[in-house]
Amino acid sequence: AIANPLTLPRPASLPPHRAQRVLAVGRLEPVKGFDLLLSAWAQLSPLAPGWQLRIVGDGRKHEALTAQCMALGLQASVELLPATRNIAAHYADAQIFALSSRYEGLPLVLIEAMAWGLAVAAFDCDTGPRELITPEHTGLLAQSDNPSALAEALLRLMHDTSLRERLSAQAREQSLTYNIHTIAGQWVDLVQQLRA
């Protein structure tokens, strides 16, 4: 299989100061598991004062997720923002990326987050995250569909600056695998093999 390339420009250097923010990006649909992420956040937020969760995206579950935030008393620490063409600004202003999907293909948002040097925590769903994340090296994987496991992984990243920085650097290096020149070269090689 040949992956999709990273089309969002990879920054040459990372912003020197980033907010205490966990970012999640995607369609507000059941597959993306943002309800599970909010359940995880409800568990961890009392243990991580000062940290914020930002979810960026549009979809059918906006009202349900807003109601869930209200029911869990998370309004002070959670933002639900609409989809934007300038997603790079959100990557630049976060330290951690959370992928809470129930299932995935090859999640481009995860590659983008890694390219922007975010420390990543993701559900280990059947396909996708494990293809991109080497556990404890380029990110953390949590048991799929388990908000407590995701909360634990996120708390590790929040409380351990050296872990965040190490995973960030290694994730950025890993993201180079998905630059457009590398992926285009794989297509050229495939076409040449087919023609041979």
C-alpha atoms as a PDB file:
ATOM      1  CA  ALA A   1       0.000   0.000   0.000  1.00  0.00           C
ATOM      2  CA  ILE A   2       1.189   3.507  -0.794  1.00  0.00           C
ATOM      3  CA  ALA A   3       0.197   6.140   1.743  1.00  0.00           C
ATOM      4  CA  ASN A   4      -1.255   9.542   0.968  1.00  0.00           C
ATOM      5  CA  PRO A   5       1.401  12.255   1.199  1.00  0.00           C
ATOM      6  CA  LEU A   6       1.531  15.014   3.757  1.00  0.00           C
ATOM      7  CA  THR A   7       0.211  18.062   1.906  1.00  0.00           C
ATOM      8  CA  LEU A   8       0.254  20.524   4.804  1.00  0.00           C
ATOM      9  CA  PRO A   9       3.648  22.255   4.800  1.00  0.00           C
ATOM     10  CA  ARG A  10       5.951  20.853   7.485  1.00  0.00           C
ATOM     11  CA  PRO A  11       7.392  23.726   9.529  1.00  0.00           C
ATOM     12  CA  ALA A  12      11.157  24.118   9.411  1.00  0.00           C
ATOM     13  CA  SER A  13      11.138  24.831  13.141  1.00  0.00           C
ATOM     14  CA  LEU A  14       8.591  24.594  15.912  1.00  0.00           C
ATOM     15  CA  PRO A  15       6.994  27.520  17.759  1.00  0.00           C
ATOM     16  CA  PRO A  16       9.024  28.287  20.904  1.00  0.00           C
ATOM     17  CA  HIS A  17       5.996  28.634  23.166  1.00  0.00           C
ATOM     18  CA  ARG A  18       2.828  26.597  22.925  1.00  0.00           C
ATOM     19  CA  ALA A  19      -0.300  26.606  25.034  1.00  0.00           C
ATOM     20  CA  GLN A  20      -1.105  23.818  27.482  1.00  0.00           C
ATOM     21  CA  ARG A  21      -3.521  22.441  24.949  1.00  0.00           C
ATOM     22  CA  VAL A  22      -4.602  19.044  23.656  1.00  0.00           C
ATOM     23  CA  LEU A  23      -5.854  19.212  20.075  1.00  0.00           C
ATOM     24  CA  ALA A  24      -8.234  16.892  18.232  1.00  0.00           C
ATOM     25  CA  VAL A  25      -9.266  17.407  14.607  1.00  0.00           C
ATOM     26  CA  GLY A  26     -11.904  15.707  12.491  1.00  0.00           C
ATOM     27  CA  ARG A  27     -15.507  15.403  11.427  1.00  0.00           C
ATOM     28  CA  LEU A  28     -17.948  15.502  14.326  1.00  0.00           C
ATOM     29  CA  GLU A  29     -19.267  12.045  13.517  1.00  0.00           C
ATOM     30  CA  PRO A  30     -19.513   8.875  15.633  1.00  0.00           C
ATOM     31  CA  VAL A  31     -16.522   7.238  13.907  1.00  0.00           C
ATOM     32  CA  LYS A  32     -14.174   9.914  15.282  1.00  0.00           C
ATOM     33  CA  GLY A  33     -15.032   9.038  18.879  1.00  0.00           C
ATOM     34  CA  PHE A  34     -15.097  12.567  20.257  1.00  0.00           C
ATOM     35  CA  ASP A  35     -17.708  11.417  22.771  1.00  0.00           C
ATOM     36  CA  LEU A  36     -15.084   8.983  24.082  1.00  0.00           C
ATOM     37  CA  LEU A  37     -12.508  11.777  24.161  1.00  0.00           C
ATOM     38  CA  LEU A  38     -14.831  13.947  26.234  1.00  0.00           C
ATOM     39  CA  SER A  39     -15.386  11.046  28.636  1.00  0.00           C
ATOM     40  CA  ALA A  40     -11.605  10.700  28.949  1.00  0.00           C
ATOM     41  CA  TRP A  41     -11.262  14.446  29.482  1.00  0.00           C
ATOM     42  CA  ALA A  42     -13.833  14.385  32.266  1.00  0.00           C
ATOM     43  CA  GLN A  43     -11.656  11.835  34.067  1.00  0.00           C
ATOM     44  CA  LEU A  44      -8.344  13.620  33.623  1.00  0.00           C
ATOM     45  CA  SER A  45      -9.153  17.326  33.742  1.00  0.00           C
ATOM     46  CA  PRO A  46      -9.231  17.532  37.563  1.00  0.00           C
ATOM     47  CA  LEU A  47      -5.699  16.074  37.514  1.00  0.00           C
ATOM     48  CA  ALA A  48      -4.385  18.482  34.877  1.00  0.00           C
ATOM     49  CA  PRO A  49      -5.327  22.032  35.891  1.00  0.00           C
ATOM     50  CA  GLY A  50      -4.488  24.631  33.293  1.00  0.00           C
ATOM     51  CA  TRP A  51      -4.735  22.263  30.342  1.00  0.00           C
ATOM     52  CA  GLN A  52      -7.362  22.818  27.649  1.00  0.00           C
ATOM     53  CA  LEU A  53      -8.929  20.519  25.064  1.00  0.00           C
ATOM     54  CA  ARG A  54      -9.711  21.932  21.633  1.00  0.00           C
ATOM     55  CA  ILE A  55     -11.758  19.944  19.107  1.00  0.00           C
ATOM     56  CA  VAL A  56     -11.812  21.380  15.576  1.00  0.00           C
ATOM     57  CA  GLY A  57     -14.369  20.147  13.063  1.00  0.00           C
ATOM     58  CA  ASP A  58     -17.933  20.213  11.760  1.00  0.00           C
ATOM     59  CA  GLY A  59     -20.535  17.485  11.672  1.00  0.00           C
ATOM     60  CA  ARG A  60     -23.834  16.012  12.794  1.00  0.00           C
ATOM     61  CA  LYS A  61     -22.707  15.444  16.386  1.00  0.00           C
ATOM     62  CA  HIS A  62     -21.960  19.075  17.230  1.00  0.00           C
ATOM     63  CA  GLU A  63     -25.089  19.547  19.330  1.00  0.00           C
ATOM     64  CA  ALA A  64     -24.665  16.178  21.064  1.00  0.00           C
ATOM     65  CA  LEU A  65     -21.027  16.915  21.909  1.00  0.00           C
ATOM     66  CA  THR A  66     -21.926  20.376  23.171  1.00  0.00           C
ATOM     67  CA  ALA A  67     -24.603  18.834  25.399  1.00  0.00           C
ATOM     68  CA  GLN A  68     -22.118  16.236  26.637  1.00  0.00           C
ATOM     69  CA  CYS A  69     -19.656  18.997  27.565  1.00  0.00           C
ATOM     70  CA  MET A  70     -22.390  20.739  29.526  1.00  0.00           C
ATOM     71  CA  ALA A  71     -23.508  17.544  31.273  1.00  0.00           C
ATOM     72  CA  LEU A  72     -19.931  16.731  32.293  1.00  0.00           C
ATOM     73  CA  GLY A  73     -19.219  20.308  33.427  1.00  0.00           C
ATOM     74  CA  LEU A  74     -16.353  20.741  30.961  1.00  0.00           C
ATOM     75  CA  GLN A  75     -17.245  24.158  29.527  1.00  0.00           C
ATOM     76  CA  ALA A  76     -14.249  25.851  31.176  1.00  0.00           C
ATOM     77  CA  SER A  77     -11.662  23.507  29.685  1.00  0.00           C
ATOM     78  CA  VAL A  78     -13.114  22.377  26.329  1.00  0.00           C
ATOM     79  CA  GLU A  79     -13.543  24.290  23.067  1.00  0.00           C
ATOM     80  CA  LEU A  80     -15.506  23.057  20.059  1.00  0.00           C
ATOM     81  CA  LEU A  81     -14.378  25.110  17.063  1.00  0.00           C
ATOM     82  CA  PRO A  82     -15.531  24.923  13.434  1.00  0.00           C
ATOM     83  CA  ALA A  83     -13.444  23.410  10.660  1.00  0.00           C
ATOM     84  CA  THR A  84     -10.957  25.827   9.127  1.00  0.00           C
ATOM     85  CA  ARG A  85      -8.629  26.065   6.143  1.00  0.00           C
ATOM     86  CA  ASN A  86      -5.905  27.323   8.495  1.00  0.00           C
ATOM     87  CA  ILE A  87      -5.535  24.171  10.560  1.00  0.00           C
ATOM     88  CA  ALA A  88      -1.794  24.821  10.826  1.00  0.00           C
ATOM     89  CA  ALA A  89      -2.534  27.624  13.319  1.00  0.00           C
ATOM     90  CA  HIS A  90      -4.123  25.059  15.639  1.00  0.00           C
ATOM     91  CA  TYR A  91      -1.216  22.627  15.318  1.00  0.00           C
ATOM     92  CA  ALA A  92       1.151  25.501  16.108  1.00  0.00           C
ATOM     93  CA  ASP A  93      -0.689  26.347  19.326  1.00  0.00           C
ATOM     94  CA  ALA A  94      -0.941  22.902  20.940  1.00  0.00           C
ATOM     95  CA  GLN A  95       1.464  20.494  22.601  1.00  0.00           C
ATOM     96  CA  ILE A  96      -0.465  17.215  22.418  1.00  0.00           C
ATOM     97  CA  PHE A  97      -2.675  15.601  19.787  1.00  0.00           C
ATOM     98  CA  ALA A  98      -5.433  13.109  20.647  1.00  0.00           C
ATOM     99  CA  LEU A  99      -6.877  10.662  18.122  1.00  0.00           C
ATOM    100  CA  SER A 100      -9.994   9.028  19.562  1.00  0.00           C
ATOM    101  CA  SER A 101     -11.326   7.316  16.422  1.00  0.00           C
ATOM    102  CA  ARG A 102     -13.293   4.088  16.669  1.00  0.00           C
ATOM    103  CA  TYR A 103     -11.747   3.075  13.341  1.00  0.00           C
ATOM    104  CA  GLU A 104      -9.461   4.690  10.783  1.00  0.00           C
ATOM    105  CA  GLY A 105      -7.753   4.200   7.452  1.00  0.00           C
ATOM    106  CA  LEU A 106      -4.408   5.998   7.506  1.00  0.00           C
ATOM    107  CA  PRO A 107      -5.223   9.165   9.501  1.00  0.00           C
ATOM    108  CA  LEU A 108      -3.720  12.152   7.724  1.00  0.00           C
ATOM    109  CA  VAL A 109      -4.432  14.386  10.729  1.00  0.00           C
ATOM    110  CA  LEU A 110      -2.111  12.191  12.776  1.00  0.00           C
ATOM    111  CA  ILE A 111       0.684  12.615  10.225  1.00  0.00           C
ATOM    112  CA  GLU A 112       0.075  16.380  10.225  1.00  0.00           C
ATOM    113  CA  ALA A 113       0.233  16.526  14.022  1.00  0.00           C
ATOM    114  CA  MET A 114       3.477  14.547  14.026  1.00  0.00           C
ATOM    115  CA  ALA A 115       4.961  16.869  11.394  1.00  0.00           C
ATOM    116  CA  TRP A 116       4.098  19.804  13.634  1.00  0.00           C
ATOM    117  CA  GLY A 117       5.849  18.165  16.575  1.00  0.00           C
ATOM    118  CA  LEU A 118       2.832  17.378  18.729  1.00  0.00           C
ATOM    119  CA  ALA A 119       3.186  14.477  21.131  1.00  0.00           C
ATOM    120  CA  VAL A 120       0.424  12.096  20.099  1.00  0.00           C
ATOM    121  CA  ALA A 121      -1.862   9.700  21.947  1.00  0.00           C
ATOM    122  CA  ALA A 122      -4.266   7.567  19.938  1.00  0.00           C
ATOM    123  CA  PHE A 123      -6.681   4.714  20.304  1.00  0.00           C
ATOM    124  CA  ASP A 124      -5.125   1.530  18.949  1.00  0.00           C
ATOM    125  CA  CYS A 125      -8.021   0.843  16.569  1.00  0.00           C
ATOM    126  CA  ASP A 126      -7.774  -1.969  14.034  1.00  0.00           C
ATOM    127  CA  THR A 127      -5.937  -0.033  11.325  1.00  0.00           C
ATOM    128  CA  GLY A 128      -4.175   3.311  11.048  1.00  0.00           C
ATOM    129  CA  PRO A 129      -2.586   4.549  14.269  1.00  0.00           C
ATOM    130  CA  ARG A 130      -0.264   1.549  14.773  1.00  0.00           C
ATOM    131  CA  GLU A 131       1.011   1.997  11.214  1.00  0.00           C
ATOM    132  CA  LEU A 132       2.160   5.499  12.153  1.00  0.00           C
ATOM    133  CA  ILE A 133       3.005   5.215  15.842  1.00  0.00           C
ATOM    134  CA  THR A 134       5.738   3.100  17.355  1.00  0.00           C
ATOM    135  CA  PRO A 135       4.605   2.937  20.993  1.00  0.00           C
ATOM    136  CA  GLU A 136       6.835   4.864  23.403  1.00  0.00           C
ATOM    137  CA  HIS A 137       8.950   6.054  20.456  1.00  0.00           C
ATOM    138  CA  THR A 138       6.782   8.252  18.227  1.00  0.00           C
ATOM    139  CA  GLY A 139       3.644   8.362  20.370  1.00  0.00           C
ATOM    140  CA  LEU A 140       1.402   6.501  22.782  1.00  0.00           C
ATOM    141  CA  LEU A 141      -1.321   3.991  21.958  1.00  0.00           C
ATOM    142  CA  ALA A 142      -4.296   3.336  24.231  1.00  0.00           C
ATOM    143  CA  GLN A 143      -6.716   0.432  24.230  1.00  0.00           C
ATOM    144  CA  SER A 144      -9.377   1.139  21.630  1.00  0.00           C
ATOM    145  CA  ASP A 145     -12.760   2.453  22.826  1.00  0.00           C
ATOM    146  CA  ASN A 146     -11.432   2.803  26.394  1.00  0.00           C
ATOM    147  CA  PRO A 147     -11.703   6.401  27.682  1.00  0.00           C
ATOM    148  CA  SER A 148      -9.806   5.537  30.881  1.00  0.00           C
ATOM    149  CA  ALA A 149      -6.860   4.214  28.872  1.00  0.00           C
ATOM    150  CA  LEU A 150      -6.832   7.334  26.693  1.00  0.00           C
ATOM    151  CA  ALA A 151      -7.035   9.533  29.799  1.00  0.00           C
ATOM    152  CA  GLU A 152      -4.027   7.727  31.256  1.00  0.00           C
ATOM    153  CA  ALA A 153      -1.984   8.202  28.074  1.00  0.00           C
ATOM    154  CA  LEU A 154      -2.860  11.895  27.863  1.00  0.00           C
ATOM    155  CA  LEU A 155      -2.008  12.439  31.526  1.00  0.00           C
ATOM    156  CA  ARG A 156       1.402  10.863  30.991  1.00  0.00           C
ATOM    157  CA  LEU A 157       2.084  13.373  28.236  1.00  0.00           C
ATOM    158  CA  MET A 158       0.768  16.312  30.244  1.00  0.00           C
ATOM    159  CA  HIS A 159       2.815  15.507  33.343  1.00  0.00           C
ATOM    160  CA  ASP A 160       6.096  14.494  31.671  1.00  0.00           C
ATOM    161  CA  THR A 161       7.746  17.306  29.710  1.00  0.00           C
ATOM    162  CA  SER A 162      10.757  15.201  28.732  1.00  0.00           C
ATOM    163  CA  LEU A 163       8.484  12.469  27.354  1.00  0.00           C
ATOM    164  CA  ARG A 164       6.525  15.035  25.334  1.00  0.00           C
ATOM    165  CA  GLU A 165       9.704  16.515  23.904  1.00  0.00           C
ATOM    166  CA  ARG A 166      11.217  13.128  23.044  1.00  0.00           C
ATOM    167  CA  LEU A 167       8.061  11.865  21.326  1.00  0.00           C
ATOM    168  CA  SER A 168       7.682  15.198  19.523  1.00  0.00           C
ATOM    169  CA  ALA A 169      11.180  15.023  18.027  1.00  0.00           C
ATOM    170  CA  GLN A 170      10.841  11.388  16.991  1.00  0.00           C
ATOM    171  CA  ALA A 171       7.375  11.935  15.544  1.00  0.00           C
ATOM    172  CA  ARG A 172       8.656  14.821  13.416  1.00  0.00           C
ATOM    173  CA  GLU A 173      11.369  12.567  12.082  1.00  0.00           C
ATOM    174  CA  GLN A 174       8.818   9.828  11.324  1.00  0.00           C
ATOM    175  CA  SER A 175       6.616  12.297   9.437  1.00  0.00           C
ATOM    176  CA  LEU A 176       9.349  12.738   6.816  1.00  0.00           C
ATOM    177  CA  THR A 177       8.377   9.280   5.536  1.00  0.00           C
ATOM    178  CA  TYR A 178       5.179  10.852   4.227  1.00  0.00           C
ATOM    179  CA  ASN A 179       6.575  13.867   2.383  1.00  0.00           C
ATOM    180  CA  ILE A 180       5.286  14.264  -1.138  1.00  0.00           C
ATOM    181  CA  HIS A 181       8.644  13.528  -2.796  1.00  0.00           C
ATOM    182  CA  THR A 182       8.983  10.181  -1.034  1.00  0.00           C
ATOM    183  CA  ILE A 183       5.408   9.151  -1.813  1.00  0.00           C
ATOM    184  CA  ALA A 184       5.698  10.313  -5.452  1.00  0.00           C
ATOM    185  CA  GLY A 185       8.877   8.234  -5.742  1.00  0.00           C
ATOM    186  CA  GLN A 186       6.987   5.161  -4.565  1.00  0.00           C
ATOM    187  CA  TRP A 187       4.386   5.703  -7.299  1.00  0.00           C
ATOM    188  CA  VAL A 188       7.115   6.125  -9.917  1.00  0.00           C
ATOM    189  CA  ASP A 189       8.751   2.878  -8.745  1.00  0.00           C
ATOM    190  CA  LEU A 190       5.405   1.061  -8.940  1.00  0.00           C
ATOM    191  CA  VAL A 191       4.664   2.294 -12.455  1.00  0.00           C
ATOM    192  CA  GLN A 192       8.161   1.298 -13.610  1.00  0.00           C
ATOM    193  CA  GLN A 193       7.713  -2.192 -12.148  1.00  0.00           C
ATOM    194  CA  LEU A 194       4.370  -2.579 -13.902  1.00  0.00           C
ATOM    195  CA  ARG A 195       5.889  -1.519 -17.212  1.00  0.00           C
ATOM    196  CA  ALA A 196       8.903  -3.827 -16.881  1.00  0.00           C
END
